[in-house]
């Protein structure tokens, strides 16, 4: 160990003790079987993207910075707001208000594979009126890939399931949940 490295280690230890590990590279103690190999992959801060995990929607809820970091809101004849409405594991939900137009949330960087079926669900609760709710998947060039109506049959929080098969491969698609018509509803994470 060089004096520079030993000094750095000693300075880092609060009591001044230094640990030294000696490695003898000239001596083989136990042969390693050549057929044994390993690999390691860790998903840190989105350093590995797309295709390794089934749940590609990022953010664990609408608490804190998750909404601002991962979602984009849009409104053409309506409004989108984060509200203090508790559901399951969180204290905040997103209210979509449609006033004769569309209002929704969108997340980009969704990987889609050609011919693959995608199943999912959204948690929603009608607040007022009878807005229509739709899940849309849009390709990186703006083309519609899939659209599925999300029926809200009653009152209270409901899990609304959807399914679609992608007709193409796209590394940068978007998914959006939008209310249209007239009325208000909430959406949140379980």
Protein backbone atom coordinates (compact mmCIF):
# COMPACT_ATOMS: atom_id res chain seq x y z
CA UNK A 1 0.00 0.00 0.00
CA UNK A 2 1.46 3.35 -0.95
CA UNK A 3 1.95 6.06 1.63
CA UNK A 4 -0.68 8.21 -0.13
CA UNK A 5 -3.32 5.45 0.04
CA UNK A 6 -2.42 4.59 3.66
CA UNK A 7 -2.70 8.25 4.62
CA UNK A 8 -6.12 8.55 2.96
CA UNK A 9 -7.41 5.48 4.79
CA UNK A 10 -5.99 6.66 8.12
CA UNK A 11 -7.55 10.09 7.67
CA UNK A 12 -10.95 8.49 6.94
CA UNK A 13 -10.90 6.33 10.11
CA UNK A 14 -12.00 8.29 13.20
CA UNK A 15 -9.58 6.50 15.56
CA UNK A 16 -6.62 6.53 13.14
CA UNK A 17 -6.42 2.75 12.65
CA UNK A 18 -5.48 1.41 9.21
CA UNK A 19 -6.41 -1.95 7.71
CA UNK A 20 -4.12 -3.48 5.13
CA UNK A 21 -5.10 -6.31 2.79
CA UNK A 22 -2.22 -8.14 1.15
CA UNK A 23 -2.89 -10.04 -2.08
CA UNK A 24 -0.30 -12.53 -3.40
CA UNK A 25 -0.99 -12.65 -7.14
CA UNK A 26 1.80 -15.22 -7.73
CA UNK A 27 0.14 -17.97 -5.65
CA UNK A 28 -2.94 -19.96 -6.76
CA UNK A 29 -4.72 -21.49 -3.79
CA UNK A 30 -7.86 -23.04 -5.31
CA UNK A 31 -8.51 -23.36 -9.06
CA UNK A 32 -11.78 -21.80 -10.27
CA UNK A 33 -13.90 -23.94 -12.57
CA UNK A 34 -13.97 -22.24 -16.01
CA UNK A 35 -17.68 -23.15 -16.43
CA UNK A 36 -18.65 -20.99 -13.47
CA UNK A 37 -19.52 -17.44 -14.36
CA UNK A 38 -21.70 -14.73 -12.97
CA UNK A 39 -23.26 -11.45 -13.80
CA UNK A 40 -24.69 -8.54 -11.92
CA UNK A 41 -27.18 -5.90 -12.96
CA UNK A 42 -28.53 -3.21 -10.67
CA UNK A 43 -31.21 -0.73 -11.61
CA UNK A 44 -29.97 2.53 -10.08
CA UNK A 45 -31.66 5.82 -10.94
CA UNK A 46 -32.91 4.55 -14.30
CA UNK A 47 -29.43 3.56 -15.47
CA UNK A 48 -30.99 0.50 -17.10
CA UNK A 49 -34.11 1.37 -19.02
CA UNK A 50 -36.95 -0.40 -20.75
CA UNK A 51 -37.70 -4.06 -21.01
CA UNK A 52 -36.17 -5.46 -17.81
CA UNK A 53 -39.20 -4.99 -15.60
CA UNK A 54 -42.89 -5.43 -16.30
CA UNK A 55 -44.06 -2.31 -14.55
CA UNK A 56 -42.68 0.51 -16.68
CA UNK A 57 -44.79 3.31 -15.23
CA UNK A 58 -42.40 5.29 -13.04
CA UNK A 59 -43.19 6.82 -9.69
CA UNK A 60 -44.80 5.09 -6.75
CA UNK A 61 -47.68 7.49 -6.39
CA UNK A 62 -48.57 11.13 -6.59
CA UNK A 63 -46.86 11.99 -3.28
CA UNK A 64 -43.93 14.40 -3.13
CA UNK A 65 -42.07 14.99 -6.38
CA UNK A 66 -43.31 11.83 -8.18
CA UNK A 67 -46.05 13.68 -10.04
CA UNK A 68 -43.79 16.54 -11.18
CA UNK A 69 -40.89 14.21 -12.03
CA UNK A 70 -42.68 11.54 -14.05
CA UNK A 71 -46.02 12.91 -15.25
CA UNK A 72 -47.05 15.71 -17.60
CA UNK A 73 -50.57 17.06 -17.33
CA UNK A 74 -52.57 18.39 -20.26
CA UNK A 75 -55.96 20.03 -20.54
CA UNK A 76 -57.94 21.15 -23.57
CA UNK A 77 -61.25 22.18 -22.03
CA UNK A 78 -60.66 21.02 -18.46
CA UNK A 79 -58.09 20.92 -15.66
CA UNK A 80 -55.69 18.58 -13.87
CA UNK A 81 -54.66 18.99 -10.24
CA UNK A 82 -53.07 16.98 -7.43
CA UNK A 83 -55.56 16.90 -4.54
CA UNK A 84 -55.53 15.70 -0.94
CA UNK A 85 -57.74 12.65 -1.49
CA UNK A 86 -56.44 9.57 0.30
CA UNK A 87 -56.40 6.20 -1.38
CA UNK A 88 -54.67 2.98 -0.36
CA UNK A 89 -51.01 3.83 0.35
CA UNK A 90 -51.07 7.54 -0.39
CA UNK A 91 -52.61 10.79 0.71
CA UNK A 92 -52.80 12.41 -2.73
CA UNK A 93 -54.67 11.63 -5.94
CA UNK A 94 -55.00 13.37 -9.30
CA UNK A 95 -58.30 15.03 -10.17
CA UNK A 96 -59.21 15.13 -13.87
CA UNK A 97 -61.93 17.67 -14.68
CA UNK A 98 -63.44 17.64 -18.16
CA UNK A 99 -65.45 20.74 -19.15
CA UNK A 100 -66.47 19.68 -22.64
CA UNK A 101 -62.90 18.82 -23.66
CA UNK A 102 -60.07 16.55 -22.48
CA UNK A 103 -57.93 16.61 -19.36
CA UNK A 104 -55.34 14.01 -18.46
CA UNK A 105 -51.87 12.91 -17.47
CA UNK A 106 -49.11 11.51 -19.67
CA UNK A 107 -45.86 9.64 -19.11
CA UNK A 108 -43.17 9.19 -21.76
CA UNK A 109 -40.32 6.73 -22.29
CA UNK A 110 -42.49 3.61 -22.39
CA UNK A 111 -40.97 0.72 -24.33
CA UNK A 112 -43.35 -1.34 -26.49
CA UNK A 113 -42.52 -4.52 -28.36
CA UNK A 114 -44.19 -5.51 -31.63
CA UNK A 115 -46.92 -8.12 -31.13
CA UNK A 116 -46.67 -8.13 -27.33
CA UNK A 117 -49.84 -7.97 -25.26
CA UNK A 118 -49.89 -5.50 -22.37
CA UNK A 119 -52.33 -5.85 -19.46
CA UNK A 120 -52.78 -3.29 -16.73
CA UNK A 121 -55.21 -1.39 -14.58
CA UNK A 122 -55.93 2.09 -13.30
CA UNK A 123 -57.59 3.03 -10.02
CA UNK A 124 -60.35 5.60 -10.48
CA UNK A 125 -63.24 7.15 -8.60
CA UNK A 126 -66.00 9.27 -10.09
CA UNK A 127 -66.52 12.56 -8.26
CA UNK A 128 -69.19 14.31 -10.32
CA UNK A 129 -70.97 13.95 -13.65
CA UNK A 130 -70.32 11.20 -16.18
CA UNK A 131 -66.94 11.82 -17.80
CA UNK A 132 -65.54 9.23 -20.17
CA UNK A 133 -62.11 7.89 -19.25
CA UNK A 134 -59.68 6.58 -21.86
CA UNK A 135 -56.22 5.05 -21.80
CA UNK A 136 -54.24 5.93 -24.93
CA UNK A 137 -50.83 4.79 -26.05
CA UNK A 138 -49.10 7.14 -28.49
CA UNK A 139 -45.97 6.35 -30.50
CA UNK A 140 -42.83 8.46 -30.54
CA UNK A 141 -43.90 9.99 -33.88
CA UNK A 142 -47.35 10.96 -32.53
CA UNK A 143 -49.27 8.05 -34.03
CA UNK A 144 -52.01 6.31 -32.01
CA UNK A 145 -50.89 2.80 -31.05
CA UNK A 146 -53.79 1.79 -28.80
CA UNK A 147 -56.87 3.25 -27.19
CA UNK A 148 -58.99 1.57 -24.52
CA UNK A 149 -62.07 2.98 -22.80
CA UNK A 150 -61.92 2.66 -19.01
CA UNK A 151 -65.47 2.08 -17.78
CA UNK A 152 -66.39 3.40 -14.33
CA UNK A 153 -69.53 1.40 -13.49
CA UNK A 154 -70.28 2.65 -9.95
CA UNK A 155 -69.28 4.81 -7.00
CA UNK A 156 -66.17 4.51 -4.87
CA UNK A 157 -62.64 3.53 -5.84
CA UNK A 158 -62.51 0.89 -8.55
CA UNK A 159 -59.74 -0.95 -10.35
CA UNK A 160 -60.41 -0.63 -14.07
CA UNK A 161 -58.50 -3.15 -16.19
CA UNK A 162 -57.26 -2.69 -19.76
CA UNK A 163 -55.42 -4.72 -22.35
CA UNK A 164 -53.88 -4.01 -25.75
CA UNK A 165 -51.42 -5.56 -28.19
CA UNK A 166 -48.81 -3.28 -29.69
CA UNK A 167 -48.71 -3.37 -33.51
CA UNK A 168 -45.14 -2.04 -33.54
CA UNK A 169 -41.90 -1.69 -31.61
CA UNK A 170 -41.34 1.74 -30.09
CA UNK A 171 -38.67 2.70 -27.57
CA UNK A 172 -40.17 6.08 -26.65
CA UNK A 173 -43.96 5.72 -26.60
CA UNK A 174 -46.26 7.60 -24.23
CA UNK A 175 -49.17 6.41 -22.13
CA UNK A 176 -51.95 8.78 -21.15
CA UNK A 177 -55.08 8.60 -19.06
CA UNK A 178 -57.62 11.27 -20.01
CA UNK A 179 -61.14 12.27 -19.06
CA UNK A 180 -63.43 13.76 -21.69
CA UNK A 181 -66.98 15.04 -21.85
CA UNK A 182 -68.23 16.64 -18.65
CA UNK A 183 -67.48 15.73 -15.07
CA UNK A 184 -64.72 15.07 -12.55
CA UNK A 185 -62.91 11.96 -11.38
CA UNK A 186 -59.86 10.98 -9.37
CA UNK A 187 -57.10 8.54 -10.24
CA UNK A 188 -54.44 7.16 -7.91
CA UNK A 189 -51.96 4.33 -7.23
CA UNK A 190 -52.51 1.26 -5.06
